[in-house]
Protein backbone atom coordinates (compact mmCIF):
# COMPACT_ATOMS: atom_id res chain seq x y z
CA MET A 1 10.08 -9.07 41.03
CA HIS A 2 8.00 -11.95 39.77
CA TYR A 3 7.93 -15.47 41.08
CA PHE A 4 8.64 -16.83 37.63
CA GLU A 5 11.45 -15.39 35.53
CA LEU A 6 9.76 -16.57 32.35
CA ARG A 7 6.99 -14.03 32.92
CA ASN A 8 9.51 -11.20 32.62
CA LEU A 9 10.79 -12.67 29.34
CA LEU A 10 7.28 -13.04 27.94
CA HIS A 11 6.40 -9.45 28.78
CA PHE A 12 9.63 -8.27 27.16
CA ILE A 13 8.88 -10.23 23.99
CA LEU A 14 5.27 -9.01 23.89
CA TYR A 15 6.45 -5.39 24.16
CA LEU A 16 9.34 -5.79 21.74
CA LEU A 17 7.61 -7.71 18.94
CA PRO A 18 5.00 -5.07 17.97
CA ALA A 19 7.66 -2.35 18.12
CA VAL A 20 10.00 -4.26 15.81
CA LEU A 21 7.18 -5.14 13.42
CA GLY A 22 6.08 -1.50 13.38
CA ILE A 23 9.61 -0.34 12.57
CA ILE A 24 9.88 -2.89 9.75
CA VAL A 25 6.52 -1.83 8.24
CA LEU A 26 7.52 1.84 8.53
CA ALA A 27 10.88 1.17 6.85
CA VAL A 28 9.24 -0.75 4.02
CA SER A 29 6.65 1.98 3.51
CA LEU A 30 9.26 4.73 3.44
CA SER A 31 11.39 2.83 0.96
CA GLY A 32 8.48 2.76 -1.49
CA THR A 33 8.95 -0.87 -2.43
CA TYR A 34 6.53 -2.80 -4.58
CA PHE A 35 6.51 -6.06 -6.48
CA ARG A 36 8.34 -5.42 -9.71
CA SER A 37 7.09 -6.69 -13.03
CA LYS A 38 8.32 -6.23 -16.56
CA ASP A 39 6.35 -3.00 -17.04
CA SER A 40 6.40 -1.56 -13.50
CA GLU A 41 8.95 1.18 -14.30
CA LYS A 42 6.95 2.27 -17.32
CA ARG A 43 3.76 2.36 -15.22
CA MET A 44 5.48 4.55 -12.60
CA GLN A 45 6.50 7.12 -15.23
CA GLU A 46 3.60 7.08 -17.70
CA VAL A 47 0.85 9.61 -16.94
CA HIS A 48 -2.59 8.08 -17.36
CA THR A 49 -4.80 11.14 -16.77
CA THR A 50 -4.11 14.82 -16.07
CA TYR A 51 -6.59 16.78 -13.98
CA VAL A 52 -7.04 20.49 -13.27
CA ASP A 53 -4.15 22.25 -11.46
CA GLY A 54 -1.59 19.78 -12.82
CA ILE A 55 -2.64 16.72 -10.80
CA GLU A 56 -1.48 13.63 -12.67
CA GLU A 57 -2.75 10.07 -12.29
CA ARG A 58 -0.58 7.02 -12.85
CA GLU A 59 -1.29 3.31 -12.74
CA ALA A 60 1.47 2.59 -10.26
CA PRO A 61 2.05 -0.90 -8.80
CA PHE A 62 0.38 -1.79 -5.49
CA PRO A 63 2.66 -0.87 -2.54
CA LEU A 64 4.21 -3.70 -0.54
CA THR A 65 3.31 -1.99 2.74
CA LEU A 66 -0.40 -2.19 2.02
CA ILE A 67 -0.03 -5.86 1.09
CA LEU A 68 1.69 -6.53 4.44
CA ILE A 69 -0.97 -4.62 6.40
CA ILE A 70 -3.85 -6.40 4.65
CA ALA A 71 -2.19 -9.81 5.03
CA GLY A 72 -1.50 -9.16 8.73
CA THR A 73 -5.09 -8.09 9.32
CA LEU A 74 -6.44 -11.19 7.59
CA LEU A 75 -4.03 -13.46 9.52
CA TRP A 76 -4.96 -11.82 12.84
CA THR A 77 -8.68 -12.19 12.04
CA PHE A 78 -8.29 -15.85 11.12
CA LEU A 79 -6.26 -16.66 14.26
CA TYR A 80 -8.69 -14.70 16.45
CA ILE A 81 -11.63 -16.70 15.09
CA ILE A 82 -9.77 -19.97 15.61
CA TYR A 83 -8.58 -19.23 19.16
CA TYR A 84 -11.64 -17.46 20.46
CA GLY A 85 -14.47 -19.07 18.52
CA VAL A 86 -13.49 -22.64 17.91
CA LEU A 87 -11.26 -23.45 20.88
CA GLU A 88 -13.27 -21.24 23.30
CA ILE A 89 -10.12 -19.71 24.76
CA LYS A 90 -10.58 -16.47 26.70
CA LEU A 91 -8.13 -13.83 25.51
């Protein structure tokens, strides 16, 4: 039991938010989505290079999951620098 009920709500949100974001990123990655262009289907099917043992290389579009992970990392880095470095806030 806490003195302030808002503290319970904040802890709940801080535990729930990363879990929900993780589930969303996992669902997007398993769905295999990517930004579609006019030639993206052709690029997914066309074999660019064939290596030994039947390994084939394609010029597939960049996956949306990696874009989300890179954008999230850059956003977190930027906000960390702002909060910690500029405003001198202890995290």
